Amino acid sequence: MGGARYEVFSAGTKAVGVNPLAIEAMREVGIDISSQRSKSVAEFAGQEFATVITVCDNAGEECPIFPGAQRRVHWSLPDPATVSGTQQEKLGAFRKVRDELERLIRSFANSVVSGAHP
């Protein structure tokens, strides 16, 4: 969404594997994440980042500090992996978070280009 302006990394507080429902939800919008692997933020210790974005309440509290980060942004999103119910209800939770992440990322990318800060 940000083109070549960004180099993006993704990790969780723990590496727990890529959820099959996340793979399905992303496949629905034409993005194949089936070959991705789950990573822990520990893999990125010592690296410098311009911005660190946390995306769930638990990560907002547990995410380590990246000293070189110029900013830290927190987007409070529910963890769709914790939703109970039917397979369709669980997939619906992943779709909802996927769509909200898209909105937030687009807004963030546009604000950085325009000089505004969300």
N, C-alpha and C. Protein backbone atom coordinates (compact mmCIF):
# COMPACT_ATOMS: atom_id res chain seq x y z
N MET A 1 0.81 -1.20 0.00
CA MET A 1 0.00 0.00 0.00
C MET A 1 0.85 1.26 0.00
N GLY A 2 2.06 1.15 0.51
CA GLY A 2 2.93 2.32 0.55
C GLY A 2 3.97 2.31 -0.55
N GLY A 3 3.91 1.31 -1.42
CA GLY A 3 4.86 1.24 -2.51
C GLY A 3 6.28 1.05 -2.00
N ALA A 4 7.21 1.64 -2.71
CA ALA A 4 8.63 1.47 -2.38
C ALA A 4 9.08 2.38 -1.24
N ARG A 5 8.17 3.18 -0.69
CA ARG A 5 8.55 4.10 0.40
C ARG A 5 8.83 3.37 1.70
N TYR A 6 8.36 2.13 1.81
CA TYR A 6 8.46 1.42 3.07
C TYR A 6 9.14 0.07 2.92
N GLU A 7 9.87 -0.31 3.94
CA GLU A 7 10.33 -1.68 4.08
C GLU A 7 9.62 -2.17 5.34
N VAL A 8 8.81 -3.19 5.21
CA VAL A 8 7.92 -3.61 6.28
C VAL A 8 8.36 -4.96 6.85
N PHE A 9 8.30 -5.07 8.16
CA PHE A 9 8.59 -6.31 8.86
C PHE A 9 7.40 -6.61 9.74
N SER A 10 7.15 -7.88 9.99
CA SER A 10 6.03 -8.28 10.82
C SER A 10 6.48 -9.35 11.80
N ALA A 11 6.01 -9.22 13.03
CA ALA A 11 6.34 -10.21 14.06
C ALA A 11 5.31 -10.13 15.18
N GLY A 12 5.29 -11.17 15.97
CA GLY A 12 4.43 -11.20 17.14
C GLY A 12 5.25 -11.28 18.40
N THR A 13 4.58 -11.21 19.52
CA THR A 13 5.31 -11.34 20.78
C THR A 13 5.85 -12.75 20.93
N LYS A 14 5.19 -13.71 20.27
CA LYS A 14 5.66 -15.10 20.24
C LYS A 14 5.40 -15.65 18.84
N ALA A 15 6.28 -16.52 18.37
CA ALA A 15 6.05 -17.19 17.09
C ALA A 15 5.14 -18.39 17.35
N VAL A 16 3.94 -18.34 16.80
CA VAL A 16 2.97 -19.42 17.06
C VAL A 16 2.47 -20.07 15.78
N GLY A 17 3.01 -19.71 14.64
CA GLY A 17 2.55 -20.26 13.37
C GLY A 17 1.55 -19.34 12.71
N VAL A 18 1.42 -19.46 11.40
CA VAL A 18 0.47 -18.64 10.65
C VAL A 18 -0.88 -19.34 10.69
N ASN A 19 -1.88 -18.64 11.19
CA ASN A 19 -3.20 -19.22 11.36
C ASN A 19 -3.84 -19.49 10.00
N PRO A 20 -4.36 -20.69 9.79
CA PRO A 20 -5.00 -21.01 8.51
C PRO A 20 -6.15 -20.06 8.15
N LEU A 21 -6.84 -19.52 9.16
CA LEU A 21 -7.92 -18.57 8.88
C LEU A 21 -7.37 -17.22 8.39
N ALA A 22 -6.19 -16.86 8.85
CA ALA A 22 -5.54 -15.65 8.33
C ALA A 22 -5.17 -15.87 6.87
N ILE A 23 -4.66 -17.05 6.57
CA ILE A 23 -4.31 -17.37 5.17
C ILE A 23 -5.55 -17.28 4.30
N GLU A 24 -6.67 -17.84 4.76
CA GLU A 24 -7.92 -17.81 4.00
C GLU A 24 -8.43 -16.38 3.83
N ALA A 25 -8.45 -15.60 4.90
CA ALA A 25 -8.96 -14.23 4.81
C ALA A 25 -8.13 -13.38 3.84
N MET A 26 -6.83 -13.57 3.84
CA MET A 26 -5.98 -12.81 2.92
C MET A 26 -6.12 -13.32 1.49
N ARG A 27 -6.28 -14.62 1.32
CA ARG A 27 -6.50 -15.19 -0.02
C ARG A 27 -7.74 -14.58 -0.67
N GLU A 28 -8.76 -14.31 0.13
CA GLU A 28 -10.01 -13.73 -0.38
C GLU A 28 -9.79 -12.37 -1.03
N VAL A 29 -8.75 -11.67 -0.63
CA VAL A 29 -8.47 -10.34 -1.22
C VAL A 29 -7.24 -10.39 -2.14
N GLY A 30 -6.88 -11.61 -2.55
CA GLY A 30 -5.83 -11.76 -3.54
C GLY A 30 -4.40 -11.71 -3.01
N ILE A 31 -4.23 -11.92 -1.70
CA ILE A 31 -2.89 -11.90 -1.11
C ILE A 31 -2.58 -13.28 -0.55
N ASP A 32 -1.49 -13.87 -1.05
CA ASP A 32 -1.09 -15.21 -0.62
C ASP A 32 -0.04 -15.11 0.48
N ILE A 33 -0.42 -15.46 1.71
CA ILE A 33 0.54 -15.45 2.82
C ILE A 33 0.87 -16.88 3.26
N SER A 34 0.50 -17.85 2.45
CA SER A 34 0.67 -19.25 2.85
C SER A 34 2.14 -19.64 3.02
N SER A 35 3.04 -18.94 2.38
CA SER A 35 4.46 -19.29 2.52
C SER A 35 5.16 -18.43 3.57
N GLN A 36 4.41 -17.56 4.25
CA GLN A 36 4.99 -16.74 5.31
C GLN A 36 5.24 -17.61 6.53
N ARG A 37 6.12 -17.12 7.41
CA ARG A 37 6.35 -17.85 8.65
C ARG A 37 6.13 -16.90 9.82
N SER A 38 5.75 -17.47 10.91
CA SER A 38 5.53 -16.72 12.13
C SER A 38 6.89 -16.35 12.73
N LYS A 39 7.03 -15.09 13.14
CA LYS A 39 8.30 -14.61 13.71
C LYS A 39 8.04 -13.93 15.06
N SER A 40 9.02 -14.01 15.91
CA SER A 40 8.98 -13.32 17.19
C SER A 40 9.71 -11.99 17.04
N VAL A 41 9.28 -10.97 17.79
CA VAL A 41 9.99 -9.69 17.75
C VAL A 41 11.44 -9.84 18.17
N ALA A 42 11.75 -10.91 18.90
CA ALA A 42 13.14 -11.14 19.33
C ALA A 42 14.08 -11.24 18.13
N GLU A 43 13.56 -11.68 16.98
CA GLU A 43 14.39 -11.77 15.77
C GLU A 43 14.88 -10.41 15.31
N PHE A 44 14.20 -9.36 15.73
CA PHE A 44 14.53 -8.01 15.25
C PHE A 44 15.24 -7.17 16.31
N ALA A 45 15.58 -7.78 17.43
CA ALA A 45 16.28 -7.06 18.50
C ALA A 45 17.57 -6.45 17.95
N GLY A 46 17.81 -5.21 18.31
CA GLY A 46 19.02 -4.53 17.88
C GLY A 46 18.88 -3.80 16.56
N GLN A 47 17.81 -4.04 15.81
CA GLN A 47 17.60 -3.32 14.56
C GLN A 47 16.89 -2.00 14.85
N GLU A 48 17.12 -1.03 14.00
CA GLU A 48 16.47 0.27 14.16
C GLU A 48 15.32 0.39 13.17
N PHE A 49 14.21 0.95 13.64
CA PHE A 49 13.02 1.16 12.83
C PHE A 49 12.56 2.59 12.99
N ALA A 50 12.08 3.18 11.91
CA ALA A 50 11.53 4.54 11.97
C ALA A 50 10.24 4.54 12.77
N THR A 51 9.41 3.52 12.55
CA THR A 51 8.12 3.42 13.24
C THR A 51 7.88 1.97 13.65
N VAL A 52 7.40 1.79 14.85
CA VAL A 52 6.97 0.48 15.33
C VAL A 52 5.47 0.59 15.58
N ILE A 53 4.70 -0.30 14.94
CA ILE A 53 3.24 -0.30 15.10
C ILE A 53 2.84 -1.60 15.77
N THR A 54 2.16 -1.51 16.90
CA THR A 54 1.60 -2.68 17.56
C THR A 54 0.11 -2.72 17.23
N VAL A 55 -0.45 -3.94 17.13
CA VAL A 55 -1.82 -4.04 16.63
C VAL A 55 -2.81 -4.76 17.53
N CYS A 56 -2.43 -5.16 18.71
CA CYS A 56 -3.42 -5.72 19.63
C CYS A 56 -3.06 -5.29 21.04
N ASP A 57 -4.04 -5.32 21.90
CA ASP A 57 -3.82 -4.82 23.26
C ASP A 57 -2.68 -5.54 23.96
N ASN A 58 -2.62 -6.85 23.82
CA ASN A 58 -1.57 -7.62 24.46
C ASN A 58 -0.19 -7.20 23.96
N ALA A 59 -0.05 -7.04 22.64
CA ALA A 59 1.25 -6.63 22.09
C ALA A 59 1.60 -5.21 22.52
N GLY A 60 0.59 -4.36 22.66
CA GLY A 60 0.85 -3.00 23.09
C GLY A 60 1.50 -2.96 24.46
N GLU A 61 1.18 -3.93 25.29
CA GLU A 61 1.74 -3.99 26.63
C GLU A 61 3.05 -4.76 26.65
N GLU A 62 3.18 -5.80 25.83
CA GLU A 62 4.34 -6.68 25.87
C GLU A 62 5.43 -6.35 24.87
N CYS A 63 5.13 -5.54 23.86
CA CYS A 63 6.10 -5.29 22.80
C CYS A 63 7.35 -4.61 23.37
N PRO A 64 8.51 -5.14 23.05
CA PRO A 64 9.73 -4.52 23.56
C PRO A 64 9.96 -3.15 22.93
N ILE A 65 10.73 -2.36 23.59
CA ILE A 65 11.07 -1.04 23.07
C ILE A 65 12.15 -1.20 22.01
N PHE A 66 11.96 -0.54 20.89
CA PHE A 66 12.98 -0.48 19.85
C PHE A 66 13.60 0.90 19.96
N PRO A 67 14.76 1.02 20.60
CA PRO A 67 15.34 2.32 20.91
C PRO A 67 15.51 3.26 19.73
N GLY A 68 15.75 2.74 18.53
CA GLY A 68 15.95 3.60 17.38
C GLY A 68 14.67 4.09 16.74
N ALA A 69 13.52 3.59 17.18
CA ALA A 69 12.24 3.96 16.55
C ALA A 69 11.94 5.43 16.81
N GLN A 70 11.67 6.16 15.72
CA GLN A 70 11.31 7.56 15.86
C GLN A 70 9.91 7.73 16.41
N ARG A 71 9.03 6.76 16.13
CA ARG A 71 7.68 6.80 16.69
C ARG A 71 7.17 5.40 16.94
N ARG A 72 6.25 5.36 17.88
CA ARG A 72 5.55 4.11 18.19
C ARG A 72 4.07 4.40 18.10
N VAL A 73 3.37 3.56 17.36
CA VAL A 73 1.94 3.73 17.12
C VAL A 73 1.25 2.46 17.62
N HIS A 74 0.11 2.62 18.27
CA HIS A 74 -0.64 1.45 18.73
C HIS A 74 -2.04 1.49 18.14
N TRP A 75 -2.41 0.43 17.46
CA TRP A 75 -3.76 0.26 16.95
C TRP A 75 -4.41 -0.86 17.76
N SER A 76 -5.41 -0.52 18.55
CA SER A 76 -6.07 -1.48 19.42
C SER A 76 -7.05 -2.33 18.60
N LEU A 77 -6.61 -3.54 18.28
CA LEU A 77 -7.44 -4.46 17.50
C LEU A 77 -7.60 -5.77 18.28
N PRO A 78 -8.78 -6.36 18.21
CA PRO A 78 -8.95 -7.65 18.89
C PRO A 78 -8.15 -8.74 18.17
N ASP A 79 -7.70 -9.72 18.90
CA ASP A 79 -6.99 -10.84 18.32
C ASP A 79 -8.02 -11.81 17.75
N PRO A 80 -8.10 -11.94 16.43
CA PRO A 80 -9.14 -12.81 15.87
C PRO A 80 -8.92 -14.28 16.20
N ALA A 81 -7.72 -14.66 16.56
CA ALA A 81 -7.44 -16.05 16.90
C ALA A 81 -8.10 -16.46 18.21
N THR A 82 -8.54 -15.50 19.01
CA THR A 82 -9.17 -15.82 20.30
C THR A 82 -10.69 -15.95 20.20
N VAL A 83 -11.26 -15.68 19.02
CA VAL A 83 -12.71 -15.74 18.85
C VAL A 83 -13.16 -17.19 18.84
N SER A 84 -14.25 -17.44 19.55
CA SER A 84 -14.83 -18.79 19.53
C SER A 84 -16.10 -18.76 18.71
N GLY A 85 -16.58 -19.92 18.34
CA GLY A 85 -17.80 -20.01 17.54
C GLY A 85 -17.59 -20.96 16.38
N THR A 86 -18.46 -20.82 15.39
CA THR A 86 -18.35 -21.67 14.21
C THR A 86 -17.14 -21.24 13.38
N GLN A 87 -16.77 -22.08 12.44
CA GLN A 87 -15.66 -21.76 11.54
C GLN A 87 -15.94 -20.45 10.80
N GLN A 88 -17.19 -20.25 10.37
CA GLN A 88 -17.55 -19.03 9.66
C GLN A 88 -17.47 -17.81 10.57
N GLU A 89 -17.86 -17.95 11.84
CA GLU A 89 -17.75 -16.83 12.79
C GLU A 89 -16.29 -16.48 13.04
N LYS A 90 -15.45 -17.50 13.15
CA LYS A 90 -14.02 -17.26 13.35
C LYS A 90 -13.42 -16.59 12.12
N LEU A 91 -13.76 -17.08 10.93
CA LEU A 91 -13.28 -16.47 9.70
C LEU A 91 -13.77 -15.03 9.60
N GLY A 92 -14.99 -14.79 10.02
CA GLY A 92 -15.53 -13.43 10.03
C GLY A 92 -14.70 -12.49 10.89
N ALA A 93 -14.19 -12.97 12.01
CA ALA A 93 -13.33 -12.15 12.88
C ALA A 93 -12.03 -11.80 12.15
N PHE A 94 -11.45 -12.75 11.44
CA PHE A 94 -10.24 -12.48 10.67
C PHE A 94 -10.51 -11.48 9.55
N ARG A 95 -11.66 -11.61 8.89
CA ARG A 95 -12.02 -10.66 7.83
C ARG A 95 -12.15 -9.25 8.40
N LYS A 96 -12.80 -9.13 9.54
CA LYS A 96 -13.02 -7.82 10.15
C LYS A 96 -11.68 -7.15 10.49
N VAL A 97 -10.77 -7.90 11.10
CA VAL A 97 -9.46 -7.36 11.45
C VAL A 97 -8.66 -7.04 10.19
N ARG A 98 -8.73 -7.92 9.19
CA ARG A 98 -8.05 -7.67 7.91
C ARG A 98 -8.50 -6.34 7.31
N ASP A 99 -9.81 -6.12 7.27
CA ASP A 99 -10.35 -4.90 6.67
C ASP A 99 -9.98 -3.66 7.48
N GLU A 100 -9.98 -3.78 8.80
CA GLU A 100 -9.60 -2.64 9.65
C GLU A 100 -8.11 -2.34 9.50
N LEU A 101 -7.29 -3.38 9.41
CA LEU A 101 -5.86 -3.16 9.18
C LEU A 101 -5.62 -2.46 7.85
N GLU A 102 -6.34 -2.85 6.83
CA GLU A 102 -6.20 -2.18 5.53
C GLU A 102 -6.53 -0.69 5.66
N ARG A 103 -7.61 -0.38 6.33
CA ARG A 103 -8.01 1.02 6.51
C ARG A 103 -6.92 1.80 7.27
N LEU A 104 -6.43 1.22 8.36
CA LEU A 104 -5.42 1.89 9.17
C LEU A 104 -4.10 2.06 8.41
N ILE A 105 -3.70 1.04 7.68
CA ILE A 105 -2.44 1.12 6.93
C ILE A 105 -2.55 2.17 5.83
N ARG A 106 -3.67 2.20 5.11
CA ARG A 106 -3.85 3.22 4.07
C ARG A 106 -3.81 4.62 4.68
N SER A 107 -4.49 4.79 5.79
CA SER A 107 -4.50 6.09 6.46
C SER A 107 -3.10 6.48 6.90
N PHE A 108 -2.37 5.55 7.48
CA PHE A 108 -1.00 5.80 7.93
C PHE A 108 -0.11 6.18 6.75
N ALA A 109 -0.16 5.38 5.68
CA ALA A 109 0.68 5.65 4.50
C ALA A 109 0.35 7.01 3.90
N ASN A 110 -0.93 7.35 3.82
CA ASN A 110 -1.33 8.65 3.27
C ASN A 110 -0.89 9.79 4.17
N SER A 111 -0.95 9.60 5.48
CA SER A 111 -0.57 10.67 6.41
C SER A 111 0.93 10.93 6.36
N VAL A 112 1.71 9.88 6.19
CA VAL A 112 3.16 10.05 6.11
C VAL A 112 3.53 10.81 4.85
N VAL A 113 2.84 10.49 3.74
CA VAL A 113 3.10 11.18 2.47
C VAL A 113 2.72 12.64 2.58
N SER A 114 1.59 12.93 3.25
CA SER A 114 1.12 14.31 3.36
C SER A 114 1.81 15.09 4.48
N GLY A 115 2.54 14.39 5.33
CA GLY A 115 3.21 15.04 6.44
C GLY A 115 2.41 15.07 7.71
N ALA A 116 1.16 14.60 7.68
CA ALA A 116 0.33 14.55 8.87
C ALA A 116 0.70 13.29 9.65
N HIS A 117 0.35 13.26 10.90
CA HIS A 117 0.64 12.07 11.72
C HIS A 117 -0.65 11.60 12.33
N PRO A 118 -1.09 10.36 11.99
CA PRO A 118 -2.35 9.83 12.54
C PRO A 118 -2.24 9.56 14.02
